[in-house]
Protein backbone atom coordinates (compact mmCIF):
# COMPACT_ATOMS: atom_id res chain seq x y z
CA MET A 1 -12.30 -30.22 -8.18
CA ARG A 2 -8.72 -31.51 -7.95
CA ARG A 3 -6.54 -29.09 -5.79
CA SER A 4 -3.12 -27.84 -6.75
CA THR A 5 -1.79 -28.58 -3.34
CA LYS A 6 -1.43 -31.63 -1.33
CA LEU A 7 -1.01 -32.45 2.32
CA ALA A 8 2.56 -32.38 3.49
CA ALA A 9 4.52 -32.61 6.66
CA VAL A 10 4.94 -29.17 8.59
CA VAL A 11 6.84 -28.22 11.68
CA LEU A 12 4.35 -27.37 14.25
CA SER A 13 5.12 -25.35 17.53
CA GLY A 14 3.42 -25.85 20.72
CA SER A 15 1.83 -28.98 21.88
CA LEU A 16 -0.30 -29.68 18.79
CA GLY A 17 0.75 -32.49 16.51
CA ILE A 18 0.85 -32.96 12.78
CA ALA A 19 -2.35 -35.31 12.94
CA SER A 20 -4.36 -32.75 14.95
CA LEU A 21 -3.69 -29.97 12.39
CA ALA A 22 -4.42 -32.14 9.26
CA ALA A 23 -7.69 -33.18 10.98
CA CYS A 24 -8.86 -29.69 10.56
CA GLY A 25 -7.97 -29.50 6.79
CA ALA A 26 -4.65 -27.74 7.19
CA LYS A 27 -1.95 -28.39 4.64
CA SER A 28 1.32 -26.83 3.39
CA ASN A 29 1.11 -25.19 -0.12
CA ASP A 30 4.62 -26.32 -1.00
CA SER A 31 5.13 -28.99 -3.31
CA ASN A 32 7.92 -30.42 -1.20
CA THR A 33 7.65 -30.98 2.80
CA SER A 34 8.71 -27.58 3.79
CA SER A 35 6.20 -25.15 4.84
CA GLY A 36 8.27 -21.85 3.71
CA SER A 37 10.59 -19.91 5.68
CA SER A 38 13.54 -20.46 7.98
CA GLU A 39 12.82 -21.35 11.68
CA GLY A 40 11.76 -18.36 13.76
CA GLY A 41 10.36 -16.38 10.97
CA LEU A 42 6.64 -15.39 10.20
CA LYS A 43 4.29 -18.30 9.90
CA VAL A 44 1.02 -17.48 8.14
CA GLY A 45 -2.05 -19.47 8.34
CA MET A 46 -4.88 -19.17 6.08
CA ALA A 47 -8.46 -20.57 6.52
CA TYR A 48 -10.40 -20.92 3.28
CA ASP A 49 -14.18 -20.10 2.65
CA ILE A 50 -16.01 -23.30 0.96
CA GLY A 51 -14.65 -24.25 -2.47
CA GLY A 52 -11.03 -23.64 -1.11
CA ARG A 53 -8.03 -23.42 -3.22
CA GLY A 54 -9.06 -24.37 -6.76
CA ASP A 55 -12.26 -22.70 -7.14
CA GLN A 56 -11.03 -20.63 -9.94
CA SER A 57 -12.55 -17.77 -8.32
CA PHE A 58 -12.62 -16.19 -4.58
CA ASN A 59 -10.25 -18.61 -2.76
CA ASP A 60 -7.95 -18.90 -5.60
CA SER A 61 -7.41 -15.05 -5.50
CA ALA A 62 -6.66 -15.28 -1.91
CA ALA A 63 -4.28 -18.15 -2.57
CA ARG A 64 -2.32 -16.32 -4.92
CA GLY A 65 -1.71 -13.56 -2.36
CA LEU A 66 -0.40 -16.26 0.06
CA ASP A 67 1.80 -17.95 -2.62
CA LYS A 68 3.29 -14.34 -3.52
CA ALA A 69 4.10 -13.72 0.22
CA LYS A 70 5.60 -17.28 0.47
CA SER A 71 7.84 -16.58 -2.42
CA ASP A 72 8.63 -12.85 -2.20
CA LEU A 73 8.71 -12.38 1.86
CA GLY A 74 9.97 -16.00 2.66
CA VAL A 75 7.09 -16.60 5.15
CA ALA A 76 5.85 -20.25 6.24
CA VAL A 77 2.60 -20.98 5.34
CA THR A 78 -0.17 -23.47 5.88
CA GLU A 79 -3.79 -23.67 4.47
CA ALA A 80 -6.82 -25.13 5.84
CA ASP A 81 -10.21 -26.02 4.05
CA ALA A 82 -13.81 -25.72 5.10
CA LYS A 83 -16.41 -28.12 4.41
CA THR A 84 -19.87 -27.55 2.97
CA GLY A 85 -22.44 -27.66 5.60
CA GLU A 86 -19.93 -27.57 8.55
CA ALA A 87 -20.93 -26.40 12.05
CA GLU A 88 -19.76 -23.08 13.52
CA ALA A 89 -17.87 -25.08 15.93
CA ASP A 90 -15.77 -26.51 13.12
CA LYS A 91 -14.59 -22.87 11.84
CA GLU A 92 -13.64 -22.19 15.65
CA THR A 93 -11.59 -25.61 15.80
CA ARG A 94 -9.90 -24.76 12.65
CA LEU A 95 -8.66 -21.43 13.71
CA LYS A 96 -7.77 -22.34 17.12
CA ASN A 97 -5.54 -25.39 15.65
CA LEU A 98 -3.82 -22.83 13.71
CA VAL A 99 -3.26 -20.80 16.92
CA THR A 100 -1.83 -23.58 18.64
CA ALA A 101 0.39 -24.45 15.86
CA GLY A 102 2.16 -21.22 16.08
CA TYR A 103 0.73 -19.37 13.18
CA ASN A 104 0.31 -15.64 13.58
CA PRO A 105 -1.04 -13.89 11.68
CA ILE A 106 -4.06 -16.11 10.63
CA ILE A 107 -6.32 -15.14 7.61
CA ALA A 108 -9.81 -16.02 7.56
CA VAL A 109 -11.17 -15.95 3.98
CA GLY A 110 -14.84 -14.97 3.83
CA PHE A 111 -17.46 -13.24 5.94
CA VAL A 112 -18.73 -16.68 7.16
CA TYR A 113 -15.82 -16.80 9.59
CA GLN A 114 -16.90 -13.46 11.32
CA ALA A 115 -18.42 -15.09 14.46
CA ALA A 116 -15.55 -17.76 14.89
CA VAL A 117 -12.78 -15.03 14.03
CA GLU A 118 -14.32 -13.03 16.86
CA LYS A 119 -14.51 -15.62 19.35
CA VAL A 120 -11.19 -16.87 18.83
CA ALA A 121 -9.39 -13.79 18.66
CA LYS A 122 -10.78 -12.71 22.12
CA GLU A 123 -9.37 -15.80 23.54
CA ASN A 124 -5.95 -15.23 21.89
CA PRO A 125 -5.21 -11.60 22.19
CA ASN A 126 -1.54 -12.02 21.12
CA THR A 127 -2.46 -13.71 17.95
CA LYS A 128 -3.22 -11.38 14.79
CA PHE A 129 -6.13 -12.07 12.56
CA ALA A 130 -7.39 -10.90 9.23
CA ILE A 131 -10.70 -11.60 7.81
CA ILE A 132 -11.74 -10.98 4.31
CA ASP A 133 -15.04 -9.49 3.26
CA SER A 134 -16.34 -8.81 6.75
CA ALA A 135 -16.13 -5.87 9.38
CA SER A 136 -17.82 -5.76 12.53
CA ASP A 137 -18.13 -3.10 15.23
CA THR A 138 -17.56 -5.87 18.01
CA GLN A 139 -14.50 -7.52 16.83
CA PRO A 140 -11.58 -7.28 18.96
CA THR A 141 -8.57 -5.03 18.12
CA ASN A 142 -6.27 -8.02 17.03
CA VAL A 143 -8.56 -8.38 14.09
CA THR A 144 -8.08 -6.51 10.84
CA SER A 145 -10.87 -6.52 8.31
CA LEU A 146 -9.91 -6.44 4.49
CA THR A 147 -12.87 -5.23 2.62
CA PHE A 148 -13.71 -4.42 -0.97
CA SER A 149 -15.97 -2.07 -2.72
CA GLU A 150 -17.39 -5.08 -4.95
CA GLN A 151 -20.23 -2.76 -5.82
CA GLU A 152 -18.02 -0.30 -7.87
CA GLY A 153 -16.56 -3.09 -9.97
CA SER A 154 -19.89 -4.57 -10.40
CA TYR A 155 -21.33 -1.11 -11.65
CA LEU A 156 -18.78 -1.25 -14.47
CA ALA A 157 -19.73 -4.82 -15.25
CA GLY A 158 -23.29 -3.58 -15.57
CA VAL A 159 -22.27 -0.84 -17.93
CA ALA A 160 -20.42 -3.42 -20.04
CA ALA A 161 -23.50 -5.91 -19.85
CA ALA A 162 -25.90 -3.15 -20.99
CA ASN A 163 -23.76 -2.21 -23.82
CA LYS A 164 -23.16 -5.70 -25.19
CA SER A 165 -26.51 -7.18 -24.86
CA LYS A 166 -28.00 -7.81 -28.20
CA THR A 167 -31.29 -8.98 -26.59
CA LYS A 168 -31.44 -5.79 -24.04
CA HIS A 169 -32.04 -8.35 -21.21
CA VAL A 170 -29.30 -9.32 -18.81
CA GLY A 171 -28.91 -11.60 -15.67
CA PHE A 172 -27.34 -11.71 -12.14
CA ILE A 173 -26.68 -14.86 -10.20
CA GLY A 174 -25.86 -14.59 -6.48
CA GLY A 175 -24.25 -17.67 -4.66
CA VAL A 176 -26.16 -16.70 -1.26
CA GLN A 177 -28.25 -14.16 -0.70
CA SER A 178 -26.12 -12.06 1.93
CA GLU A 179 -25.53 -8.69 2.25
CA LEU A 180 -22.04 -9.01 0.58
CA ILE A 181 -23.40 -10.65 -2.32
CA LYS A 182 -26.11 -7.96 -2.55
CA LYS A 183 -23.65 -5.15 -3.04
CA PHE A 184 -22.57 -7.21 -6.29
CA GLU A 185 -26.11 -7.17 -7.40
CA ALA A 186 -26.76 -3.48 -6.31
CA GLY A 187 -23.88 -2.25 -8.27
CA TYR A 188 -24.65 -4.38 -11.33
CA ARG A 189 -28.12 -3.38 -11.65
CA ALA A 190 -27.26 0.34 -11.10
CA GLY A 191 -24.37 -0.26 -13.86
CA VAL A 192 -27.09 -1.48 -16.17
CA LYS A 193 -29.58 1.20 -15.23
CA SER A 194 -26.96 3.98 -16.13
CA VAL A 195 -26.92 2.73 -19.80
CA ASP A 196 -30.79 1.79 -20.15
CA PRO A 197 -33.18 2.47 -17.33
CA GLN A 198 -35.75 0.13 -18.83
CA MET A 199 -33.52 -2.97 -19.41
CA PRO A 200 -34.68 -5.98 -17.48
CA VAL A 201 -32.20 -7.67 -15.03
CA GLU A 202 -33.13 -11.10 -14.06
CA VAL A 203 -31.95 -11.79 -10.41
CA THR A 204 -31.49 -15.21 -9.04
CA TYR A 205 -29.89 -16.38 -5.62
CA LEU A 206 -28.85 -19.96 -5.20
CA THR A 207 -29.15 -20.32 -1.51
CA THR A 208 -30.09 -18.19 1.61
CA PRO A 209 -28.17 -18.19 4.91
CA PRO A 210 -27.47 -20.46 6.81
CA ASP A 211 -27.23 -22.47 3.74
CA PHE A 212 -23.84 -21.34 2.22
CA SER A 213 -23.58 -24.28 -0.27
CA GLY A 214 -24.55 -21.68 -3.04
CA PHE A 215 -20.87 -20.83 -3.18
CA ALA A 216 -19.82 -24.46 -4.12
CA ALA A 217 -22.66 -25.93 -6.24
CA PRO A 218 -21.85 -25.60 -9.98
CA ASP A 219 -24.97 -27.62 -10.79
CA LYS A 220 -27.11 -25.05 -9.23
CA GLY A 221 -25.29 -22.16 -10.95
CA LYS A 222 -25.89 -24.09 -14.28
CA GLU A 223 -29.57 -24.39 -13.75
CA ALA A 224 -30.03 -20.93 -12.60
CA ALA A 225 -28.35 -19.69 -15.57
CA GLN A 226 -30.32 -21.90 -18.04
CA GLY A 227 -33.49 -20.27 -16.30
CA GLN A 228 -32.39 -16.90 -17.16
CA LEU A 229 -31.29 -17.92 -20.64
CA ASP A 230 -34.85 -19.06 -21.32
CA LYS A 231 -36.07 -15.71 -20.37
CA LYS A 232 -33.96 -14.34 -23.19
CA ALA A 233 -31.01 -12.81 -20.95
CA ASP A 234 -27.87 -12.92 -23.23
CA VAL A 235 -25.45 -11.52 -20.79
CA ILE A 236 -25.10 -13.14 -17.23
CA TYR A 237 -22.90 -12.15 -14.37
CA THR A 238 -22.54 -14.51 -11.57
CA ALA A 239 -21.19 -13.89 -7.98
CA ALA A 240 -21.25 -17.34 -6.52
CA GLY A 241 -17.75 -18.87 -6.10
CA SER A 242 -17.25 -22.07 -7.76
CA SER A 243 -20.96 -22.26 -8.62
CA GLY A 244 -20.29 -19.92 -11.19
CA ASN A 245 -18.22 -22.47 -13.19
CA GLY A 246 -21.74 -24.03 -13.99
CA ALA A 247 -23.29 -20.71 -14.86
CA ILE A 248 -20.36 -20.30 -17.24
CA GLU A 249 -20.89 -23.60 -18.91
CA ALA A 250 -24.54 -22.88 -19.57
CA VAL A 251 -24.05 -19.61 -20.97
CA ALA A 252 -21.30 -20.73 -23.22
CA ASN A 253 -23.48 -23.58 -24.30
CA ALA A 254 -26.02 -21.25 -25.22
CA GLY A 255 -23.90 -18.72 -27.39
CA ALA A 256 -24.46 -16.17 -24.89
CA LEU A 257 -21.87 -14.01 -22.80
CA ALA A 258 -20.71 -14.52 -19.19
CA ILE A 259 -19.29 -12.21 -16.59
CA GLY A 260 -16.86 -13.91 -14.34
CA VAL A 261 -16.10 -12.86 -10.85
CA ASP A 262 -13.17 -12.27 -8.28
CA SER A 263 -10.42 -13.85 -10.52
CA ASP A 264 -10.00 -13.30 -14.11
CA GLN A 265 -12.04 -16.23 -15.18
CA ALA A 266 -11.23 -16.32 -18.76
CA ALA A 267 -7.52 -16.64 -18.00
CA GLN A 268 -8.20 -19.85 -15.75
CA PRO A 269 -6.95 -22.99 -17.15
CA ALA A 270 -9.95 -24.94 -15.64
CA LEU A 271 -12.19 -22.76 -17.78
CA ALA A 272 -10.37 -22.56 -20.87
CA LYS A 273 -12.93 -24.26 -23.11
CA TYR A 274 -15.50 -21.63 -22.10
CA LYS A 275 -13.11 -18.61 -22.21
CA ASN A 276 -14.53 -17.26 -25.65
CA SER A 277 -17.75 -16.77 -23.73
CA ILE A 278 -16.52 -14.96 -20.84
CA MET A 279 -16.81 -11.24 -21.85
CA THR A 280 -15.04 -10.00 -18.82
CA SER A 281 -14.64 -10.78 -15.10
CA MET A 282 -15.21 -8.29 -12.08
CA VAL A 283 -11.76 -9.08 -10.69
CA LYS A 284 -11.54 -8.34 -6.87
CA ASN A 285 -7.92 -8.15 -6.07
CA ILE A 286 -7.94 -10.25 -2.85
CA ASP A 287 -4.22 -11.48 -3.76
CA LYS A 288 -3.04 -7.73 -3.34
CA ALA A 289 -5.21 -7.21 -0.09
CA VAL A 290 -3.58 -10.57 1.26
CA PHE A 291 -0.17 -9.74 0.43
CA SER A 292 -0.32 -6.23 1.81
CA TYR A 293 -1.51 -7.54 4.93
CA ILE A 294 1.23 -10.30 5.34
CA GLU A 295 3.90 -7.65 4.36
CA SER A 296 2.57 -5.31 6.89
CA ALA A 297 2.73 -8.10 9.60
CA LYS A 298 6.34 -8.72 8.51
CA LYS A 299 7.33 -5.35 9.00
CA ALA A 300 5.82 -5.31 12.60
CA GLU A 301 3.34 -2.63 11.40
CA PRO A 302 0.23 -4.75 10.62
CA PHE A 303 -2.92 -3.08 9.22
CA THR A 304 -5.57 -2.58 12.05
CA GLY A 305 -9.16 -1.75 11.90
CA VAL A 306 -10.90 -1.75 8.40
CA LYS A 307 -8.62 -1.63 5.30
CA ASN A 308 -10.91 -1.03 2.26
CA PHE A 309 -9.65 -1.60 -1.11
CA ASP A 310 -11.92 0.43 -3.74
CA LEU A 311 -11.94 1.14 -7.42
CA LYS A 312 -9.41 4.00 -6.92
CA ALA A 313 -7.03 1.82 -4.95
CA ASP A 314 -7.41 -0.90 -7.68
CA GLY A 315 -9.15 -2.92 -5.17
CA VAL A 316 -11.72 -3.83 -8.09
CA SER A 317 -11.51 -3.83 -11.61
CA LEU A 318 -12.57 -5.40 -14.99
CA ALA A 319 -10.45 -7.95 -16.81
CA THR A 320 -9.87 -7.52 -20.41
CA THR A 321 -8.60 -10.95 -21.30
CA GLY A 322 -9.75 -11.78 -24.87
CA GLY A 323 -10.42 -8.11 -25.93
CA LYS A 324 -14.34 -8.55 -25.81
CA ILE A 325 -14.81 -5.12 -24.29
CA ASP A 326 -12.09 -3.09 -25.93
CA ASP A 327 -14.79 -1.53 -28.21
CA ILE A 328 -16.66 -0.09 -25.22
CA LYS A 329 -13.40 1.12 -23.39
CA ALA A 330 -14.05 4.70 -23.52
CA LYS A 331 -17.74 4.26 -21.87
CA LEU A 332 -16.00 1.96 -19.14
CA ASP A 333 -13.13 4.61 -18.66
CA GLU A 334 -15.81 7.52 -18.34
CA ALA A 335 -17.92 5.38 -15.81
CA ALA A 336 -14.97 4.24 -13.91
CA ALA A 337 -13.63 8.25 -13.80
CA ALA A 338 -16.93 9.34 -12.38
CA ILE A 339 -16.77 6.74 -9.66
CA LYS A 340 -13.15 7.74 -8.76
CA GLY A 341 -13.88 11.34 -8.92
CA GLY A 342 -17.00 11.07 -6.65
CA SER A 343 -19.79 12.20 -9.07
CA THR A 344 -21.20 8.68 -9.24
CA THR A 345 -21.92 7.03 -5.83
CA VAL A 346 -22.60 3.49 -6.38
CA PRO A 347 -25.25 1.83 -4.19
CA THR A 348 -24.89 -1.16 -1.99
CA ASP A 349 -28.51 -1.98 -1.47
CA PRO A 350 -30.61 -3.48 -4.13
CA SER A 351 -33.79 -2.82 -2.32
CA LYS A 352 -33.14 1.00 -2.89
CA LEU A 353 -32.85 1.02 -6.70
C-alpha cells in the first residue's frame, strides 16, 4: 500500500547519523524536510506496528494523533515502520535508534512491542515511553500504557450486526489469535447474544502468535470472509488491521455487510469503492489517546501507569458514516447507556461466553 509519507532529512541529536535512523525505517511525516518544531522543543518518535501508516485502520488512527500533535502543539516528529516477520531484536533496535536520536517521548504502536519497550525503557530511564494496547505488571515506571475497552465498542457492533442480519447468521474475523483480539471477539459475540441468543457467529483467526502477519495479509482476510459468506453469514466484523481490507472487498462483492475496525473505514479514501457495504466501524480513538499523551508530555505532566479509554470516555464508538445504522439508533443508545451505567458488564474472554 502506498504510504502518505516519504523519507526526509531530519535533524538528529547525539551520535546517531541520518543513515542509521533511516535504516530502522524512521522517517519524518512532513512533506518538507523539517520534522516539525523549533530546536530544543519536544521531539516525539513513533514506532508503528506492521502495516504502518496507510493501513486504513489501527496505525492510521495513531498517525492522526501524531499529526494533530505536530500541527497543534508544534512538536517535532519522526516515524519508524515495522516489517512483517521481523525479529524481536529489530523492534529493540528501532526503539534504541529513536532514543539515541533524541526522541522523547517514544510511542510504540501495538502490543507486539511490549517486550522491546520494557527492555529499552529499563536501559534508558530518562526517556518516556508509551505503548498502545498493552499493559504489563513488570514494565518500568517510565512506560505508560494506553489501553482501550475494545470489548465495549465491539458489543455495540454485535448489537448492530444482530439487528441488521437478514440471514440471522453473522461472522467475526480476527487478525491474530491474541488476548487483545479475543476482547473484540468476546464483546461482539456478547452483543449478538444480547439480541438473539441463538444466532450463530462464525469465528476465524488468520494467524496465531508468534506469527503476526494476520494483521497485514488482505488475501487471508478475503479468503476468511469468503468462507464465512459461504456459510451464509451476511454481516462480518473484522479486527485484523489491513487484512480487513480484503475481508471488506469479499463482503462487498457478495452484497453483504461489513463492520470495519479502529478507524471509520467507510470514510477511508482507499476503501471508497466499498463504502456502501460498510455498515459501521468500531472506532478505537487511538488518535485521541496519542494526542492526549503527547500533550501531557509537553506540559511536563506525562501520563503514568495505565490510562484506559472506555466507552464512557469516548475511547471507543460506532461510526455512523452512510447512515446504515440510523434506523437502530435507539437500540444502540440503550445498549451503550447500559454499559456506561454499569448494568451491562461486557466480557473480555470469549471462552466464558
